[in-house]
Amino acid sequence: SAVVAGTTALIEHKQAAAQETEPTA
């Protein structure tokens, strides 16, 4: 369950990082 929570946090973290770097119109 900790592996799942950690993996999910890492995925969410990468998604948040990608949203930060996306150019805004």
mmCIF file of all heavy atoms, coordinates in Angstrom:
data_MODEL
# 
_entry.id   MODEL 
# 
loop_
_atom_site.group_PDB 
_atom_site.id 
_atom_site.type_symbol 
_atom_site.label_atom_id 
_atom_site.label_alt_id 
_atom_site.label_comp_id 
_atom_site.label_asym_id 
_atom_site.label_entity_id 
_atom_site.label_seq_id 
_atom_site.pdbx_PDB_ins_code 
_atom_site.Cartn_x 
_atom_site.Cartn_y 
_atom_site.Cartn_z 
_atom_site.occupancy 
_atom_site.B_iso_or_equiv 
_atom_site.pdbx_formal_charge 
_atom_site.auth_seq_id 
_atom_site.auth_comp_id 
_atom_site.auth_asym_id 
_atom_site.auth_atom_id 
_atom_site.pdbx_PDB_model_num 
ATOM 1   N N   . SER A 1 1  ? 0.845  -1.202 0.000   1.00 0.00 ? 1  SER A N   1 
ATOM 2   C CA  . SER A 1 1  ? 0.000  0.000  0.000   1.00 0.00 ? 1  SER A CA  1 
ATOM 3   C C   . SER A 1 1  ? 0.880  1.253  0.000   1.00 0.00 ? 1  SER A C   1 
ATOM 4   O O   . SER A 1 1  ? 0.541  2.259  -0.623  1.00 0.00 ? 1  SER A O   1 
ATOM 5   C CB  . SER A 1 1  ? -0.960 0.001  1.190   1.00 0.00 ? 1  SER A CB  1 
ATOM 6   O OG  . SER A 1 1  ? -0.257 0.155  2.406   1.00 0.00 ? 1  SER A OG  1 
ATOM 7   N N   . ALA A 1 2  ? 2.021  1.177  0.681   1.00 0.00 ? 2  ALA A N   1 
ATOM 8   C CA  . ALA A 1 2  ? 2.966  2.303  0.655   1.00 0.00 ? 2  ALA A CA  1 
ATOM 9   C C   . ALA A 1 2  ? 3.599  2.449  -0.729  1.00 0.00 ? 2  ALA A C   1 
ATOM 10  O O   . ALA A 1 2  ? 3.852  3.570  -1.184  1.00 0.00 ? 2  ALA A O   1 
ATOM 11  C CB  . ALA A 1 2  ? 4.037  2.125  1.723   1.00 0.00 ? 2  ALA A CB  1 
ATOM 12  N N   . VAL A 1 3  ? 3.845  1.327  -1.409  1.00 0.00 ? 3  VAL A N   1 
ATOM 13  C CA  . VAL A 1 3  ? 4.371  1.385  -2.782  1.00 0.00 ? 3  VAL A CA  1 
ATOM 14  C C   . VAL A 1 3  ? 3.358  2.079  -3.684  1.00 0.00 ? 3  VAL A C   1 
ATOM 15  O O   . VAL A 1 3  ? 3.718  2.955  -4.487  1.00 0.00 ? 3  VAL A O   1 
ATOM 16  C CB  . VAL A 1 3  ? 4.698  -0.035 -3.318  1.00 0.00 ? 3  VAL A CB  1 
ATOM 17  C CG1 . VAL A 1 3  ? 4.986  -0.005 -4.806  1.00 0.00 ? 3  VAL A CG1 1 
ATOM 18  C CG2 . VAL A 1 3  ? 5.870  -0.641 -2.565  1.00 0.00 ? 3  VAL A CG2 1 
ATOM 19  N N   . VAL A 1 4  ? 2.091  1.726  -3.543  1.00 0.00 ? 4  VAL A N   1 
ATOM 20  C CA  . VAL A 1 4  ? 1.039  2.345  -4.359  1.00 0.00 ? 4  VAL A CA  1 
ATOM 21  C C   . VAL A 1 4  ? 0.934  3.842  -4.060  1.00 0.00 ? 4  VAL A C   1 
ATOM 22  O O   . VAL A 1 4  ? 0.887  4.665  -4.970  1.00 0.00 ? 4  VAL A O   1 
ATOM 23  C CB  . VAL A 1 4  ? -0.319 1.638  -4.129  1.00 0.00 ? 4  VAL A CB  1 
ATOM 24  C CG1 . VAL A 1 4  ? -1.466 2.416  -4.756  1.00 0.00 ? 4  VAL A CG1 1 
ATOM 25  C CG2 . VAL A 1 4  ? -0.274 0.221  -4.684  1.00 0.00 ? 4  VAL A CG2 1 
ATOM 26  N N   . ALA A 1 5  ? 0.936  4.203  -2.769  1.00 0.00 ? 5  ALA A N   1 
ATOM 27  C CA  . ALA A 1 5  ? 0.845  5.620  -2.399  1.00 0.00 ? 5  ALA A CA  1 
ATOM 28  C C   . ALA A 1 5  ? 2.057  6.391  -2.910  1.00 0.00 ? 5  ALA A C   1 
ATOM 29  O O   . ALA A 1 5  ? 1.921  7.502  -3.438  1.00 0.00 ? 5  ALA A O   1 
ATOM 30  C CB  . ALA A 1 5  ? 0.714  5.769  -0.886  1.00 0.00 ? 5  ALA A CB  1 
ATOM 31  N N   . GLY A 1 6  ? 3.241  5.816  -2.782  1.00 0.00 ? 6  GLY A N   1 
ATOM 32  C CA  . GLY A 1 6  ? 4.454  6.476  -3.254  1.00 0.00 ? 6  GLY A CA  1 
ATOM 33  C C   . GLY A 1 6  ? 4.471  6.633  -4.765  1.00 0.00 ? 6  GLY A C   1 
ATOM 34  O O   . GLY A 1 6  ? 4.843  7.689  -5.296  1.00 0.00 ? 6  GLY A O   1 
ATOM 35  N N   . THR A 1 7  ? 4.064  5.580  -5.475  1.00 0.00 ? 7  THR A N   1 
ATOM 36  C CA  . THR A 1 7  ? 4.026  5.630  -6.932  1.00 0.00 ? 7  THR A CA  1 
ATOM 37  C C   . THR A 1 7  ? 2.998  6.657  -7.407  1.00 0.00 ? 7  THR A C   1 
ATOM 38  O O   . THR A 1 7  ? 3.265  7.443  -8.327  1.00 0.00 ? 7  THR A O   1 
ATOM 39  C CB  . THR A 1 7  ? 3.704  4.241  -7.512  1.00 0.00 ? 7  THR A CB  1 
ATOM 40  O OG1 . THR A 1 7  ? 4.684  3.310  -7.038  1.00 0.00 ? 7  THR A OG1 1 
ATOM 41  C CG2 . THR A 1 7  ? 3.694  4.250  -9.020  1.00 0.00 ? 7  THR A CG2 1 
ATOM 42  N N   . THR A 1 8  ? 1.847  6.682  -6.759  1.00 0.00 ? 8  THR A N   1 
ATOM 43  C CA  . THR A 1 8  ? 0.812  7.655  -7.107  1.00 0.00 ? 8  THR A CA  1 
ATOM 44  C C   . THR A 1 8  ? 1.305  9.074  -6.835  1.00 0.00 ? 8  THR A C   1 
ATOM 45  O O   . THR A 1 8  ? 1.094  9.980  -7.652  1.00 0.00 ? 8  THR A O   1 
ATOM 46  C CB  . THR A 1 8  ? -0.483 7.372  -6.328  1.00 0.00 ? 8  THR A CB  1 
ATOM 47  O OG1 . THR A 1 8  ? -0.871 6.017  -6.559  1.00 0.00 ? 8  THR A OG1 1 
ATOM 48  C CG2 . THR A 1 8  ? -1.602 8.297  -6.752  1.00 0.00 ? 8  THR A CG2 1 
ATOM 49  N N   . ALA A 1 9  ? 1.990  9.275  -5.717  1.00 0.00 ? 9  ALA A N   1 
ATOM 50  C CA  . ALA A 1 9  ? 2.540  10.600 -5.401  1.00 0.00 ? 9  ALA A CA  1 
ATOM 51  C C   . ALA A 1 9  ? 3.561  11.019 -6.443  1.00 0.00 ? 9  ALA A C   1 
ATOM 52  O O   . ALA A 1 9  ? 3.586  12.180 -6.865  1.00 0.00 ? 9  ALA A O   1 
ATOM 53  C CB  . ALA A 1 9  ? 3.174  10.591 -4.007  1.00 0.00 ? 9  ALA A CB  1 
ATOM 54  N N   . LEU A 1 10 ? 4.395  10.078 -6.874  1.00 0.00 ? 10 LEU A N   1 
ATOM 55  C CA  . LEU A 1 10 ? 5.396  10.399 -7.896  1.00 0.00 ? 10 LEU A CA  1 
ATOM 56  C C   . LEU A 1 10 ? 4.728  10.769 -9.216  1.00 0.00 ? 10 LEU A C   1 
ATOM 57  O O   . LEU A 1 10 ? 5.113  11.742 -9.873  1.00 0.00 ? 10 LEU A O   1 
ATOM 58  C CB  . LEU A 1 10 ? 6.358  9.223  -8.083  1.00 0.00 ? 10 LEU A CB  1 
ATOM 59  C CG  . LEU A 1 10 ? 7.515  9.440  -9.052  1.00 0.00 ? 10 LEU A CG  1 
ATOM 60  C CD1 . LEU A 1 10 ? 8.369  10.636 -8.631  1.00 0.00 ? 10 LEU A CD1 1 
ATOM 61  C CD2 . LEU A 1 10 ? 8.373  8.184  -9.133  1.00 0.00 ? 10 LEU A CD2 1 
ATOM 62  N N   . ILE A 1 11 ? 3.694  10.030 -9.602  1.00 0.00 ? 11 ILE A N   1 
ATOM 63  C CA  . ILE A 1 11 ? 2.957  10.344 -10.839 1.00 0.00 ? 11 ILE A CA  1 
ATOM 64  C C   . ILE A 1 11 ? 2.296  11.711 -10.732 1.00 0.00 ? 11 ILE A C   1 
ATOM 65  O O   . ILE A 1 11 ? 2.390  12.538 -11.646 1.00 0.00 ? 11 ILE A O   1 
ATOM 66  C CB  . ILE A 1 11 ? 1.923  9.239  -11.147 1.00 0.00 ? 11 ILE A CB  1 
ATOM 67  C CG1 . ILE A 1 11 ? 2.638  7.951  -11.546 1.00 0.00 ? 11 ILE A CG1 1 
ATOM 68  C CG2 . ILE A 1 11 ? 0.938  9.691  -12.230 1.00 0.00 ? 11 ILE A CG2 1 
ATOM 69  C CD1 . ILE A 1 11 ? 1.742  6.728  -11.587 1.00 0.00 ? 11 ILE A CD1 1 
ATOM 70  N N   . GLU A 1 12 ? 1.620  11.968 -9.593  1.00 0.00 ? 12 GLU A N   1 
ATOM 71  C CA  . GLU A 1 12 ? 0.968  13.261 -9.398  1.00 0.00 ? 12 GLU A CA  1 
ATOM 72  C C   . GLU A 1 12 ? 1.998  14.390 -9.391  1.00 0.00 ? 12 GLU A C   1 
ATOM 73  O O   . GLU A 1 12 ? 1.747  15.475 -9.912  1.00 0.00 ? 12 GLU A O   1 
ATOM 74  C CB  . GLU A 1 12 ? 0.166  13.264 -8.098  1.00 0.00 ? 12 GLU A CB  1 
ATOM 75  C CG  . GLU A 1 12 ? -1.063 12.382 -8.155  1.00 0.00 ? 12 GLU A CG  1 
ATOM 76  C CD  . GLU A 1 12 ? -1.741 12.221 -6.807  1.00 0.00 ? 12 GLU A CD  1 
ATOM 77  O OE1 . GLU A 1 12 ? -1.136 12.572 -5.764  1.00 0.00 ? 12 GLU A OE1 1 
ATOM 78  O OE2 . GLU A 1 12 ? -2.882 11.731 -6.785  1.00 0.00 ? 12 GLU A OE2 1 
ATOM 79  N N   . HIS A 1 13 ? 3.139  14.109 -8.803  1.00 0.00 ? 13 HIS A N   1 
ATOM 80  C CA  . HIS A 1 13 ? 4.220  15.099 -8.749  1.00 0.00 ? 13 HIS A CA  1 
ATOM 81  C C   . HIS A 1 13 ? 4.693  15.435 -10.158 1.00 0.00 ? 13 HIS A C   1 
ATOM 82  O O   . HIS A 1 13 ? 4.878  16.606 -10.505 1.00 0.00 ? 13 HIS A O   1 
ATOM 83  C CB  . HIS A 1 13 ? 5.366  14.518 -7.917  1.00 0.00 ? 13 HIS A CB  1 
ATOM 84  C CG  . HIS A 1 13 ? 6.539  15.419 -7.785  1.00 0.00 ? 13 HIS A CG  1 
ATOM 85  N ND1 . HIS A 1 13 ? 7.558  15.445 -8.709  1.00 0.00 ? 13 HIS A ND1 1 
ATOM 86  C CD2 . HIS A 1 13 ? 6.850  16.337 -6.851  1.00 0.00 ? 13 HIS A CD2 1 
ATOM 87  C CE1 . HIS A 1 13 ? 8.447  16.329 -8.340  1.00 0.00 ? 13 HIS A CE1 1 
ATOM 88  N NE2 . HIS A 1 13 ? 8.045  16.883 -7.213  1.00 0.00 ? 13 HIS A NE2 1 
ATOM 89  N N   . LYS A 1 14 ? 4.890  14.419 -10.990 1.00 0.00 ? 14 LYS A N   1 
ATOM 90  C CA  . LYS A 1 14 ? 5.332  14.654 -12.367 1.00 0.00 ? 14 LYS A CA  1 
ATOM 91  C C   . LYS A 1 14 ? 4.268  15.386 -13.172 1.00 0.00 ? 14 LYS A C   1 
ATOM 92  O O   . LYS A 1 14 ? 4.591  16.229 -14.007 1.00 0.00 ? 14 LYS A O   1 
ATOM 93  C CB  . LYS A 1 14 ? 5.715  13.326 -13.027 1.00 0.00 ? 14 LYS A CB  1 
ATOM 94  C CG  . LYS A 1 14 ? 7.019  12.769 -12.481 1.00 0.00 ? 14 LYS A CG  1 
ATOM 95  C CD  . LYS A 1 14 ? 7.430  11.497 -13.171 1.00 0.00 ? 14 LYS A CD  1 
ATOM 96  C CE  . LYS A 1 14 ? 8.768  11.026 -12.657 1.00 0.00 ? 14 LYS A CE  1 
ATOM 97  N NZ  . LYS A 1 14 ? 9.265  9.853  -13.361 1.00 0.00 ? 14 LYS A NZ  1 
ATOM 98  N N   . GLN A 1 15 ? 2.998  15.066 -12.934 1.00 0.00 ? 15 GLN A N   1 
ATOM 99  C CA  . GLN A 1 15 ? 1.919  15.768 -13.625 1.00 0.00 ? 15 GLN A CA  1 
ATOM 100 C C   . GLN A 1 15 ? 1.882  17.244 -13.229 1.00 0.00 ? 15 GLN A C   1 
ATOM 101 O O   . GLN A 1 15 ? 1.695  18.116 -14.077 1.00 0.00 ? 15 GLN A O   1 
ATOM 102 C CB  . GLN A 1 15 ? 0.571  15.110 -13.327 1.00 0.00 ? 15 GLN A CB  1 
ATOM 103 C CG  . GLN A 1 15 ? 0.395  13.775 -13.995 1.00 0.00 ? 15 GLN A CG  1 
ATOM 104 C CD  . GLN A 1 15 ? -0.866 13.049 -13.547 1.00 0.00 ? 15 GLN A CD  1 
ATOM 105 O OE1 . GLN A 1 15 ? -1.462 13.376 -12.535 1.00 0.00 ? 15 GLN A OE1 1 
ATOM 106 N NE2 . GLN A 1 15 ? -1.254 12.042 -14.315 1.00 0.00 ? 15 GLN A NE2 1 
ATOM 107 N N   . ALA A 1 16 ? 2.084  17.523 -11.947 1.00 0.00 ? 16 ALA A N   1 
ATOM 108 C CA  . ALA A 1 16 ? 2.105  18.916 -11.483 1.00 0.00 ? 16 ALA A CA  1 
ATOM 109 C C   . ALA A 1 16 ? 3.286  19.662 -12.095 1.00 0.00 ? 16 ALA A C   1 
ATOM 110 O O   . ALA A 1 16 ? 3.158  20.825 -12.492 1.00 0.00 ? 16 ALA A O   1 
ATOM 111 C CB  . ALA A 1 16 ? 2.177  18.965 -9.957  1.00 0.00 ? 16 ALA A CB  1 
ATOM 112 N N   . ALA A 1 17 ? 4.416  18.991 -12.202 1.00 0.00 ? 17 ALA A N   1 
ATOM 113 C CA  . ALA A 1 17 ? 5.597  19.616 -12.805 1.00 0.00 ? 17 ALA A CA  1 
ATOM 114 C C   . ALA A 1 17 ? 5.347  19.908 -14.282 1.00 0.00 ? 17 ALA A C   1 
ATOM 115 O O   . ALA A 1 17 ? 5.746  20.958 -14.796 1.00 0.00 ? 17 ALA A O   1 
ATOM 116 C CB  . ALA A 1 17 ? 6.816  18.719 -12.642 1.00 0.00 ? 17 ALA A CB  1 
ATOM 117 N N   . ALA A 1 18 ? 4.686  18.985 -14.975 1.00 0.00 ? 18 ALA A N   1 
ATOM 118 C CA  . ALA A 1 18 ? 4.386  19.189 -16.391 1.00 0.00 ? 18 ALA A CA  1 
ATOM 119 C C   . ALA A 1 18 ? 3.424  20.352 -16.578 1.00 0.00 ? 18 ALA A C   1 
ATOM 120 O O   . ALA A 1 18 ? 3.562  21.124 -17.539 1.00 0.00 ? 18 ALA A O   1 
ATOM 121 C CB  . ALA A 1 18 ? 3.793  17.924 -17.001 1.00 0.00 ? 18 ALA A CB  1 
ATOM 122 N N   . GLN A 1 19 ? 2.454  20.509 -15.682 1.00 0.00 ? 19 GLN A N   1 
ATOM 123 C CA  . GLN A 1 19 ? 1.509  21.623 -15.780 1.00 0.00 ? 19 GLN A CA  1 
ATOM 124 C C   . GLN A 1 19 ? 2.203  22.958 -15.563 1.00 0.00 ? 19 GLN A C   1 
ATOM 125 O O   . GLN A 1 19 ? 1.834  23.958 -16.169 1.00 0.00 ? 19 GLN A O   1 
ATOM 126 C CB  . GLN A 1 19 ? 0.376  21.455 -14.775 1.00 0.00 ? 19 GLN A CB  1 
ATOM 127 C CG  . GLN A 1 19 ? -0.574 20.344 -15.132 1.00 0.00 ? 19 GLN A CG  1 
ATOM 128 C CD  . GLN A 1 19 ? -1.619 20.104 -14.053 1.00 0.00 ? 19 GLN A CD  1 
ATOM 129 O OE1 . GLN A 1 19 ? -1.592 20.715 -13.000 1.00 0.00 ? 19 GLN A OE1 1 
ATOM 130 N NE2 . GLN A 1 19 ? -2.538 19.195 -14.332 1.00 0.00 ? 19 GLN A NE2 1 
ATOM 131 N N   . GLU A 1 20 ? 3.213  22.964 -14.697 1.00 0.00 ? 20 GLU A N   1 
ATOM 132 C CA  . GLU A 1 20 ? 3.965  24.202 -14.447 1.00 0.00 ? 20 GLU A CA  1 
ATOM 133 C C   . GLU A 1 20 ? 4.738  24.649 -15.674 1.00 0.00 ? 20 GLU A C   1 
ATOM 134 O O   . GLU A 1 20 ? 4.885  25.834 -15.910 1.00 0.00 ? 20 GLU A O   1 
ATOM 135 C CB  . GLU A 1 20 ? 4.972  23.995 -13.315 1.00 0.00 ? 20 GLU A CB  1 
ATOM 136 C CG  . GLU A 1 20 ? 4.402  24.120 -11.954 1.00 0.00 ? 20 GLU A CG  1 
ATOM 137 C CD  . GLU A 1 20 ? 5.464  23.958 -10.887 1.00 0.00 ? 20 GLU A CD  1 
ATOM 138 O OE1 . GLU A 1 20 ? 6.670  23.973 -11.213 1.00 0.00 ? 20 GLU A OE1 1 
ATOM 139 O OE2 . GLU A 1 20 ? 5.095  23.811 -9.731  1.00 0.00 ? 20 GLU A OE2 1 
ATOM 140 N N   . THR A 1 21 ? 5.255  23.687 -16.437 1.00 0.00 ? 21 THR A N   1 
ATOM 141 C CA  . THR A 1 21 ? 6.118  24.031 -17.564 1.00 0.00 ? 21 THR A CA  1 
ATOM 142 C C   . THR A 1 21 ? 5.354  24.248 -18.855 1.00 0.00 ? 21 THR A C   1 
ATOM 143 O O   . THR A 1 21 ? 5.940  24.711 -19.827 1.00 0.00 ? 21 THR A O   1 
ATOM 144 C CB  . THR A 1 21 ? 7.176  22.935 -17.797 1.00 0.00 ? 21 THR A CB  1 
ATOM 145 O OG1 . THR A 1 21 ? 6.514  21.684 -18.037 1.00 0.00 ? 21 THR A OG1 1 
ATOM 146 C CG2 . THR A 1 21 ? 8.092  22.818 -16.594 1.00 0.00 ? 21 THR A CG2 1 
ATOM 147 N N   . GLU A 1 22 ? 4.057  23.905 -18.890 1.00 0.00 ? 22 GLU A N   1 
ATOM 148 C CA  . GLU A 1 22 ? 3.270  24.117 -20.100 1.00 0.00 ? 22 GLU A CA  1 
ATOM 149 C C   . GLU A 1 22 ? 3.092  25.613 -20.336 1.00 0.00 ? 22 GLU A C   1 
ATOM 150 O O   . GLU A 1 22 ? 2.798  26.366 -19.408 1.00 0.00 ? 22 GLU A O   1 
ATOM 151 C CB  . GLU A 1 22 ? 1.887  23.464 -19.961 1.00 0.00 ? 22 GLU A CB  1 
ATOM 152 C CG  . GLU A 1 22 ? 1.914  21.968 -20.040 1.00 0.00 ? 22 GLU A CG  1 
ATOM 153 C CD  . GLU A 1 22 ? 0.528  21.367 -19.881 1.00 0.00 ? 22 GLU A CD  1 
ATOM 154 O OE1 . GLU A 1 22 ? -0.460 22.128 -19.754 1.00 0.00 ? 22 GLU A OE1 1 
ATOM 155 O OE2 . GLU A 1 22 ? 0.442  20.144 -19.861 1.00 0.00 ? 22 GLU A OE2 1 
ATOM 156 N N   . PRO A 1 23 ? 3.261  26.042 -21.605 1.00 0.00 ? 23 PRO A N   1 
ATOM 157 C CA  . PRO A 1 23 ? 3.050  27.465 -21.887 1.00 0.00 ? 23 PRO A CA  1 
ATOM 158 C C   . PRO A 1 23 ? 1.569  27.806 -21.769 1.00 0.00 ? 23 PRO A C   1 
ATOM 159 O O   . PRO A 1 23 ? 0.708  26.990 -22.072 1.00 0.00 ? 23 PRO A O   1 
ATOM 160 C CB  . PRO A 1 23 ? 3.538  27.626 -23.323 1.00 0.00 ? 23 PRO A CB  1 
ATOM 161 C CG  . PRO A 1 23 ? 3.483  26.264 -23.904 1.00 0.00 ? 23 PRO A CG  1 
ATOM 162 C CD  . PRO A 1 23 ? 3.648  25.294 -22.755 1.00 0.00 ? 23 PRO A CD  1 
ATOM 163 N N   . THR A 1 24 ? 1.300  28.998 -21.303 1.00 0.00 ? 24 THR A N   1 
ATOM 164 C CA  . THR A 1 24 ? -0.092 29.431 -21.187 1.00 0.00 ? 24 THR A CA  1 
ATOM 165 C C   . THR A 1 24 ? -0.398 30.383 -22.329 1.00 0.00 ? 24 THR A C   1 
ATOM 166 O O   . THR A 1 24 ? 0.448  31.165 -22.764 1.00 0.00 ? 24 THR A O   1 
ATOM 167 C CB  . THR A 1 24 ? -0.328 30.144 -19.837 1.00 0.00 ? 24 THR A CB  1 
ATOM 168 O OG1 . THR A 1 24 ? 0.591  31.230 -19.745 1.00 0.00 ? 24 THR A OG1 1 
ATOM 169 C CG2 . THR A 1 24 ? -0.121 29.195 -18.672 1.00 0.00 ? 24 THR A CG2 1 
ATOM 170 N N   . ALA A 1 25 ? -1.606 30.307 -22.818 1.00 0.00 ? 25 ALA A N   1 
ATOM 171 C CA  . ALA A 1 25 ? -2.029 31.176 -23.919 1.00 0.00 ? 25 ALA A CA  1 
ATOM 172 C C   . ALA A 1 25 ? -2.304 32.566 -23.369 1.00 0.00 ? 25 ALA A C   1 
ATOM 173 O O   . ALA A 1 25 ? -2.912 32.720 -22.314 1.00 0.00 ? 25 ALA A O   1 
ATOM 174 C CB  . ALA A 1 25 ? -3.286 30.612 -24.563 1.00 0.00 ? 25 ALA A CB  1 
# 
